[in-house]
Amino acid sequence: MTHRVLGLALITGLAAAPLAAADAAGEQQEWTPPRTAWGAPDLRGVWDFRTITPLERPRQLGEQEVFSDEEAAEFRVAELGRRNKDRRASDGISAEQDVRNAYNQFWWDYGNELTEDKRTSLIVDPPNGRIPAMTDPAQKRYAGIRAARAREPHGPEDRGVAERCILGFNAGPPYTPSAYNNNVHIFQTPGYAVLLIEMVNDARIVPLDGRDHLPGHMRQWRGDARGRWEGDTLVVESRNFSDKTSYRGSGPNMVLTERFTRVAPDRVVYQYTINDPDSFEQPWSAMIPMKKTDQPMFEYACHEGNYSMFTMLEGARAAEQEGTPHTGSNLP
């Protein structure tokens, strides 16, 4: 908890400090978040959360929470080079990896910068900046999923929900920077908040009226979200996830708590905590800065009947006839 609080204070201070107004005497005045017509903190707008800061801290950095300026510059150059999809065999990657990249660099939009506070990971708790170890049942569950993905697909149900365009790789919840479409549009009404993620154009409608969660036997793809205000922070708690979805090894009994806090005219701090004793040895939290953008949201033309799924299944049938292994996926 200490690390979560310190991390929030750090990024909040860095985001808001350059935007503080100076009065006639030269003193700094604290910025006041705007309100909607009905008095709620105003989070409305399109928020961009691209960053090349990794979710997990590289192991060799140990307990180092923040890069120095020199380290940040070196990491940025190395990371952008590693992610460059225009590299070929002559640049040191295998032909197999070239194929797995799927697209050239033009189509990818990870972002080009670390977070402003130069953190070494988006995870702020536990202190090592890494996802806690999975429990034994979770490891067995995850191994079964990977084994199913490795065999020849008999039908679309053998592929993951992202490949089937039901949910996107970073569509959440929770939201995590990924390959592209790292934008979320927040709408508000007196009784609801709507979180529209650009990836697969997935909208979560979050009631704010204090209603109970759904009964435990009613499971949903993205969980059962309920929201409330804690001061200027929108808190969204989601339960009752489907066993067909998972985030970094989570299970259907995960409790996800997300926090959206506007800290400056063009900044929202997004924090999430995953509490899933069935899957992880301890809860863990990440913090991601979001920047306001005037760019529009675009349709993400991915759908469950996409041509790639037909191609994968056709390839699997052809491989069966030839007696050669074929997983039908370009995903790890």
Protein backbone atom coordinates (compact mmCIF):
# COMPACT_ATOMS: atom_id res chain seq x y z
CA MET A 1 0.00 0.00 0.00
CA THR A 2 2.88 2.36 0.80
CA HIS A 3 4.31 1.93 -2.69
CA ARG A 4 0.91 2.52 -4.28
CA VAL A 5 0.49 5.79 -2.36
CA LEU A 6 4.03 6.95 -3.08
CA GLY A 7 3.65 6.10 -6.75
CA LEU A 8 0.41 8.05 -7.01
CA ALA A 9 1.94 11.04 -5.24
CA LEU A 10 4.95 10.96 -7.52
CA ILE A 11 3.10 10.85 -10.81
CA THR A 12 0.41 13.26 -9.62
CA GLY A 13 3.04 15.80 -8.64
CA LEU A 14 4.94 15.44 -11.90
CA ALA A 15 1.78 15.76 -13.99
CA ALA A 16 0.32 18.74 -12.17
CA ALA A 17 3.40 20.76 -11.29
CA PRO A 18 4.11 22.19 -14.79
CA LEU A 19 0.49 23.25 -15.06
CA ALA A 20 0.11 25.14 -11.79
CA ALA A 21 -0.88 28.78 -12.22
CA ALA A 22 1.11 31.65 -10.75
CA ASP A 23 -0.65 34.57 -9.08
CA ALA A 24 0.50 38.21 -9.17
CA ALA A 25 2.83 37.65 -6.23
CA GLY A 26 4.50 34.75 -8.01
CA GLU A 27 3.05 32.10 -5.70
CA GLN A 28 1.84 28.77 -7.08
CA GLN A 29 -1.88 28.13 -6.96
CA GLU A 30 -3.25 24.61 -6.76
CA TRP A 31 -5.20 23.43 -9.79
CA THR A 32 -8.88 22.64 -9.17
CA PRO A 33 -10.46 19.80 -11.16
CA PRO A 34 -13.49 20.87 -13.23
CA ARG A 35 -17.01 19.67 -12.46
CA THR A 36 -19.89 18.57 -14.60
CA ALA A 37 -23.17 20.47 -14.61
CA TRP A 38 -24.47 18.06 -11.93
CA GLY A 39 -21.38 18.51 -9.71
CA ALA A 40 -19.32 15.37 -10.39
CA PRO A 41 -15.59 15.50 -11.17
CA ASP A 42 -15.29 15.90 -14.94
CA LEU A 43 -13.36 13.05 -16.60
CA ARG A 44 -14.99 13.43 -20.01
CA GLY A 45 -12.86 13.24 -23.12
CA VAL A 46 -10.51 10.96 -25.04
CA TRP A 47 -7.47 9.84 -23.03
CA ASP A 48 -4.31 8.38 -24.58
CA PHE A 49 -2.32 5.91 -22.48
CA ARG A 50 0.51 4.93 -24.86
CA THR A 51 3.91 4.38 -23.26
CA ILE A 52 6.92 2.12 -23.73
CA THR A 53 7.34 1.78 -19.97
CA PRO A 54 7.00 -1.99 -19.41
CA LEU A 55 4.22 -3.39 -17.28
CA GLU A 56 6.77 -5.45 -15.35
CA ARG A 57 10.19 -4.20 -14.29
CA PRO A 58 13.10 -5.95 -16.04
CA ARG A 59 14.50 -8.45 -13.53
CA GLN A 60 18.02 -7.06 -13.71
CA LEU A 61 16.79 -3.75 -12.24
CA GLY A 62 15.78 -5.38 -8.96
CA GLU A 63 14.19 -2.81 -6.63
CA GLN A 64 15.10 0.21 -8.79
CA GLU A 65 11.84 2.14 -9.17
CA VAL A 66 13.00 5.02 -11.38
CA PHE A 67 15.50 5.42 -14.22
CA SER A 68 18.11 8.16 -14.14
CA ASP A 69 17.96 10.52 -17.12
CA GLU A 70 20.85 8.67 -18.77
CA GLU A 71 19.34 5.24 -18.09
CA ALA A 72 15.95 6.37 -19.40
CA ALA A 73 17.52 7.59 -22.66
CA GLU A 74 19.42 4.32 -23.12
CA PHE A 75 16.35 2.21 -22.35
CA ARG A 76 14.22 4.21 -24.78
CA VAL A 77 16.66 3.71 -27.67
CA ALA A 78 17.00 -0.02 -26.94
CA GLU A 79 13.27 -0.58 -26.51
CA LEU A 80 12.28 1.26 -29.68
CA GLY A 81 14.87 -0.78 -31.55
CA ARG A 82 13.58 -4.03 -30.08
CA ARG A 83 9.99 -3.22 -31.03
CA ASN A 84 10.83 -2.11 -34.57
CA LYS A 85 8.85 -4.43 -36.85
CA ASP A 86 10.77 -3.35 -39.94
CA ARG A 87 13.84 -5.33 -38.87
CA ARG A 88 14.73 -8.28 -41.05
CA ALA A 89 17.07 -11.27 -40.85
CA SER A 90 19.98 -9.01 -41.76
CA ASP A 91 19.20 -7.04 -38.57
CA GLY A 92 19.46 -10.11 -36.38
CA ILE A 93 15.92 -11.52 -36.19
CA SER A 94 14.83 -14.91 -37.46
CA ALA A 95 12.56 -15.45 -40.43
CA GLU A 96 10.04 -17.00 -38.03
CA GLN A 97 9.99 -13.87 -35.89
CA ASP A 98 9.62 -11.74 -39.00
CA VAL A 99 6.47 -13.68 -39.88
CA ARG A 100 5.17 -13.52 -36.30
CA ASN A 101 5.43 -9.72 -36.37
CA ALA A 102 2.48 -9.84 -38.79
CA TYR A 103 2.66 -6.18 -39.87
CA ASN A 104 5.38 -3.67 -40.63
CA GLN A 105 6.17 -0.77 -38.31
CA PHE A 106 3.60 1.59 -39.87
CA TRP A 107 0.71 -0.29 -38.26
CA TRP A 108 2.05 -0.37 -34.70
CA ASP A 109 1.49 2.41 -32.17
CA TYR A 110 3.13 1.51 -28.85
CA GLY A 111 4.22 5.09 -28.29
CA ASN A 112 7.75 6.46 -28.18
CA GLU A 113 8.25 7.63 -24.61
CA LEU A 114 8.53 6.41 -21.03
CA THR A 115 6.16 7.78 -18.42
CA GLU A 116 7.08 11.30 -17.33
CA ASP A 117 8.36 10.13 -13.94
CA LYS A 118 10.70 7.61 -15.66
CA ARG A 119 9.42 4.65 -13.65
CA THR A 120 10.97 1.29 -14.52
CA SER A 121 7.57 -0.46 -14.51
CA LEU A 122 3.89 0.35 -14.59
CA ILE A 123 3.43 -2.03 -11.66
CA VAL A 124 3.89 -0.05 -8.44
CA ASP A 125 3.09 -2.82 -5.96
CA PRO A 126 4.72 -5.24 -5.08
CA PRO A 127 8.01 -3.35 -4.70
CA ASN A 128 9.84 -5.50 -7.25
CA GLY A 129 7.54 -4.14 -9.96
CA ARG A 130 6.53 -7.60 -11.16
CA ILE A 131 3.34 -9.68 -11.24
CA PRO A 132 3.31 -11.98 -8.18
CA ALA A 133 3.78 -15.70 -8.65
CA MET A 134 0.71 -17.66 -9.68
CA THR A 135 -0.77 -20.22 -7.32
CA ASP A 136 -0.50 -23.92 -8.20
CA PRO A 137 -4.13 -24.14 -9.44
CA ALA A 138 -3.60 -21.06 -11.60
CA GLN A 139 -0.41 -22.48 -13.09
CA LYS A 140 -2.26 -25.68 -14.03
CA ARG A 141 -5.12 -23.67 -15.53
CA TYR A 142 -2.72 -21.50 -17.52
CA ALA A 143 -0.75 -24.52 -18.72
CA GLY A 144 -3.99 -26.05 -19.99
CA ILE A 145 -4.81 -22.87 -21.92
CA ARG A 146 -1.39 -22.78 -23.55
CA ALA A 147 -1.60 -26.46 -24.44
CA ALA A 148 -4.97 -25.89 -26.09
CA ARG A 149 -3.56 -22.98 -28.10
CA ALA A 150 -0.59 -25.09 -29.23
CA ARG A 151 -2.64 -27.80 -30.88
CA GLU A 152 -4.37 -27.60 -34.22
CA PRO A 153 -7.61 -25.64 -33.78
CA HIS A 154 -10.75 -27.66 -34.45
CA GLY A 155 -12.94 -24.57 -34.33
CA PRO A 156 -12.90 -20.90 -33.37
CA GLU A 157 -13.62 -21.78 -29.74
CA ASP A 158 -10.08 -23.21 -29.55
CA ARG A 159 -8.59 -19.75 -30.07
CA GLY A 160 -8.38 -16.93 -27.56
CA VAL A 161 -10.99 -14.20 -27.30
CA ALA A 162 -8.55 -11.60 -28.68
CA GLU A 163 -7.88 -13.64 -31.82
CA ARG A 164 -11.63 -14.03 -32.23
CA CYS A 165 -12.10 -10.24 -31.91
CA ILE A 166 -14.44 -10.63 -28.95
CA LEU A 167 -12.13 -8.59 -26.74
CA GLY A 168 -8.91 -6.79 -27.67
CA PHE A 169 -5.40 -7.32 -26.36
CA ASN A 170 -5.56 -4.10 -24.31
CA ALA A 171 -9.35 -3.69 -24.25
CA GLY A 172 -9.39 -4.73 -20.62
CA PRO A 173 -10.42 -4.52 -18.08
CA PRO A 174 -7.93 -3.48 -16.88
CA TYR A 175 -6.44 -1.16 -19.50
CA THR A 176 -2.76 -1.71 -20.27
CA PRO A 177 -0.67 -0.09 -23.03
CA SER A 178 -0.29 -2.42 -25.97
CA ALA A 179 0.41 -2.51 -29.70
CA TYR A 180 -2.14 0.08 -30.84
CA ASN A 181 -5.53 1.68 -30.10
CA ASN A 182 -4.37 2.90 -26.69
CA ASN A 183 -7.23 5.36 -26.24
CA VAL A 184 -10.27 5.40 -23.98
CA HIS A 185 -13.23 7.78 -24.32
CA ILE A 186 -14.94 8.57 -21.03
CA PHE A 187 -18.58 9.68 -21.09
CA GLN A 188 -20.55 10.74 -18.00
CA THR A 189 -24.20 11.20 -17.03
CA PRO A 190 -25.60 11.78 -13.54
CA GLY A 191 -26.07 8.04 -12.97
CA TYR A 192 -23.50 6.36 -15.21
CA ALA A 193 -19.97 6.48 -16.57
CA VAL A 194 -19.18 4.89 -19.94
CA LEU A 195 -15.66 3.70 -20.73
CA LEU A 196 -15.25 3.21 -24.48
CA ILE A 197 -11.91 1.66 -25.38
CA GLU A 198 -10.72 2.07 -28.97
CA MET A 199 -9.52 -1.53 -29.17
CA VAL A 200 -12.47 -3.49 -30.64
CA ASN A 201 -14.59 -0.42 -29.70
CA ASP A 202 -15.64 -2.08 -26.47
CA ALA A 203 -17.89 -0.02 -24.15
CA ARG A 204 -18.33 -0.63 -20.44
CA ILE A 205 -21.42 1.00 -18.94
CA VAL A 206 -20.76 1.59 -15.23
CA PRO A 207 -23.73 2.41 -12.96
CA LEU A 208 -23.01 4.92 -10.17
CA ASP A 209 -26.23 4.55 -8.19
CA GLY A 210 -25.01 2.16 -5.50
CA ARG A 211 -26.75 -0.92 -6.85
CA ASP A 212 -25.48 -4.37 -5.84
CA HIS A 213 -23.31 -6.56 -8.03
CA LEU A 214 -24.98 -9.33 -9.99
CA PRO A 215 -25.40 -12.73 -8.31
CA GLY A 216 -22.25 -14.85 -8.39
CA HIS A 217 -23.66 -17.30 -10.93
CA MET A 218 -24.11 -14.53 -13.54
CA ARG A 219 -20.72 -14.19 -15.24
CA GLN A 220 -19.76 -11.62 -17.86
CA TRP A 221 -16.90 -11.24 -20.35
CA ARG A 222 -15.62 -8.03 -18.73
CA GLY A 223 -16.97 -8.57 -15.26
CA ASP A 224 -19.82 -6.84 -13.49
CA ALA A 225 -18.72 -3.19 -13.01
CA ARG A 226 -20.06 -0.91 -10.28
CA GLY A 227 -18.78 2.63 -9.73
CA ARG A 228 -18.64 5.21 -6.97
CA TRP A 229 -16.92 8.51 -6.24
CA GLU A 230 -14.25 8.82 -3.58
CA GLY A 231 -13.53 12.54 -3.53
CA ASP A 232 -12.34 13.43 -7.04
CA THR A 233 -11.62 9.81 -7.96
CA LEU A 234 -13.94 7.54 -9.93
CA VAL A 235 -13.63 4.05 -8.43
CA VAL A 236 -14.85 1.13 -10.55
CA GLU A 237 -15.04 -2.33 -8.98
CA SER A 238 -15.61 -5.34 -11.24
CA ARG A 239 -16.49 -8.89 -10.18
CA ASN A 240 -18.10 -11.99 -11.69
CA PHE A 241 -15.75 -12.49 -14.63
CA SER A 242 -16.24 -15.30 -17.10
CA ASP A 243 -13.86 -18.26 -17.05
CA LYS A 244 -13.44 -17.64 -20.79
CA THR A 245 -11.41 -14.50 -20.11
CA SER A 246 -8.20 -13.99 -18.17
CA TYR A 247 -5.74 -11.18 -17.52
CA ARG A 248 -2.12 -12.20 -16.97
CA GLY A 249 -3.28 -15.51 -15.46
CA SER A 250 -6.27 -14.22 -13.49
CA GLY A 251 -9.30 -16.40 -12.86
CA PRO A 252 -13.06 -15.81 -12.82
CA ASN A 253 -13.05 -14.82 -9.12
CA MET A 254 -10.76 -11.84 -9.65
CA VAL A 255 -11.87 -8.58 -8.04
CA LEU A 256 -10.60 -5.66 -10.10
CA THR A 257 -10.58 -2.14 -8.63
CA GLU A 258 -9.83 0.72 -11.03
CA ARG A 259 -9.31 4.38 -10.11
CA PHE A 260 -9.51 7.38 -12.46
CA THR A 261 -8.26 10.69 -11.03
CA ARG A 262 -7.94 13.89 -13.06
CA VAL A 263 -4.82 15.66 -11.82
CA ALA A 264 -4.40 18.37 -14.48
CA PRO A 265 -6.32 19.76 -17.50
CA ASP A 266 -4.69 17.17 -19.77
CA ARG A 267 -3.88 14.34 -17.33
CA VAL A 268 -5.76 11.47 -15.72
CA VAL A 269 -3.98 9.04 -13.43
CA TYR A 270 -5.33 5.52 -13.94
CA GLN A 271 -4.60 2.92 -11.29
CA TYR A 272 -5.82 -0.64 -10.97
CA THR A 273 -5.49 -3.32 -8.32
CA ILE A 274 -6.03 -7.03 -8.95
CA ASN A 275 -7.09 -9.10 -5.96
CA ASP A 276 -7.34 -12.77 -6.91
CA PRO A 277 -6.17 -15.19 -4.16
CA ASP A 278 -7.14 -18.14 -6.36
CA SER A 279 -4.60 -17.06 -8.97
CA PHE A 280 -1.87 -14.88 -7.41
CA GLU A 281 0.07 -15.13 -4.17
CA GLN A 282 -0.74 -11.50 -3.35
CA PRO A 283 -2.70 -8.55 -4.78
CA TRP A 284 -0.87 -6.32 -7.25
CA SER A 285 -1.31 -2.81 -8.61
CA ALA A 286 -0.29 -0.79 -11.65
CA MET A 287 -0.46 2.92 -12.40
CA ILE A 288 -0.69 4.44 -15.89
CA PRO A 289 -0.80 8.13 -16.86
CA MET A 290 -3.38 9.12 -19.45
CA LYS A 291 -2.99 12.23 -21.62
CA LYS A 292 -5.94 14.10 -23.10
CA THR A 293 -6.04 14.15 -26.89
CA ASP A 294 -8.13 16.05 -29.41
CA GLN A 295 -7.81 13.19 -31.88
CA PRO A 296 -11.02 11.26 -32.67
CA MET A 297 -11.65 7.64 -31.83
CA PHE A 298 -11.69 5.37 -34.89
CA GLU A 299 -13.57 2.20 -35.65
CA TYR A 300 -11.50 -0.90 -35.04
CA ALA A 301 -12.64 -3.20 -37.83
CA CYS A 302 -12.06 -6.51 -36.07
CA HIS A 303 -15.02 -8.88 -35.87
CA GLU A 304 -15.64 -12.48 -34.90
CA GLY A 305 -15.99 -13.56 -38.53
CA ASN A 306 -12.63 -12.08 -39.54
CA TYR A 307 -10.79 -13.67 -42.46
CA SER A 308 -7.80 -14.64 -40.33
CA MET A 309 -9.93 -17.11 -38.37
CA PHE A 310 -11.02 -18.87 -41.56
CA THR A 311 -7.40 -18.96 -42.72
CA MET A 312 -6.21 -20.47 -39.43
CA LEU A 313 -8.83 -23.19 -39.55
CA GLU A 314 -8.15 -23.93 -43.22
CA GLY A 315 -4.44 -24.17 -42.43
CA ALA A 316 -5.14 -26.57 -39.57
CA ARG A 317 -7.20 -28.84 -41.84
CA ALA A 318 -4.50 -28.78 -44.51
CA ALA A 319 -1.84 -29.60 -41.90
CA GLU A 320 -3.92 -32.52 -40.64
CA GLN A 321 -4.08 -33.98 -44.15
CA GLU A 322 -0.34 -33.52 -44.61
CA GLY A 323 0.48 -34.82 -41.13
CA THR A 324 2.47 -31.70 -40.21
CA PRO A 325 2.09 -29.67 -36.98
CA HIS A 326 0.19 -26.41 -37.31
CA THR A 327 -1.03 -24.17 -34.50
CA GLY A 328 -2.77 -21.68 -36.75
CA SER A 329 -1.59 -18.68 -34.75
CA ASN A 330 1.09 -16.03 -35.01
CA LEU A 331 0.79 -15.34 -31.30
CA PRO A 332 3.20 -16.52 -28.58
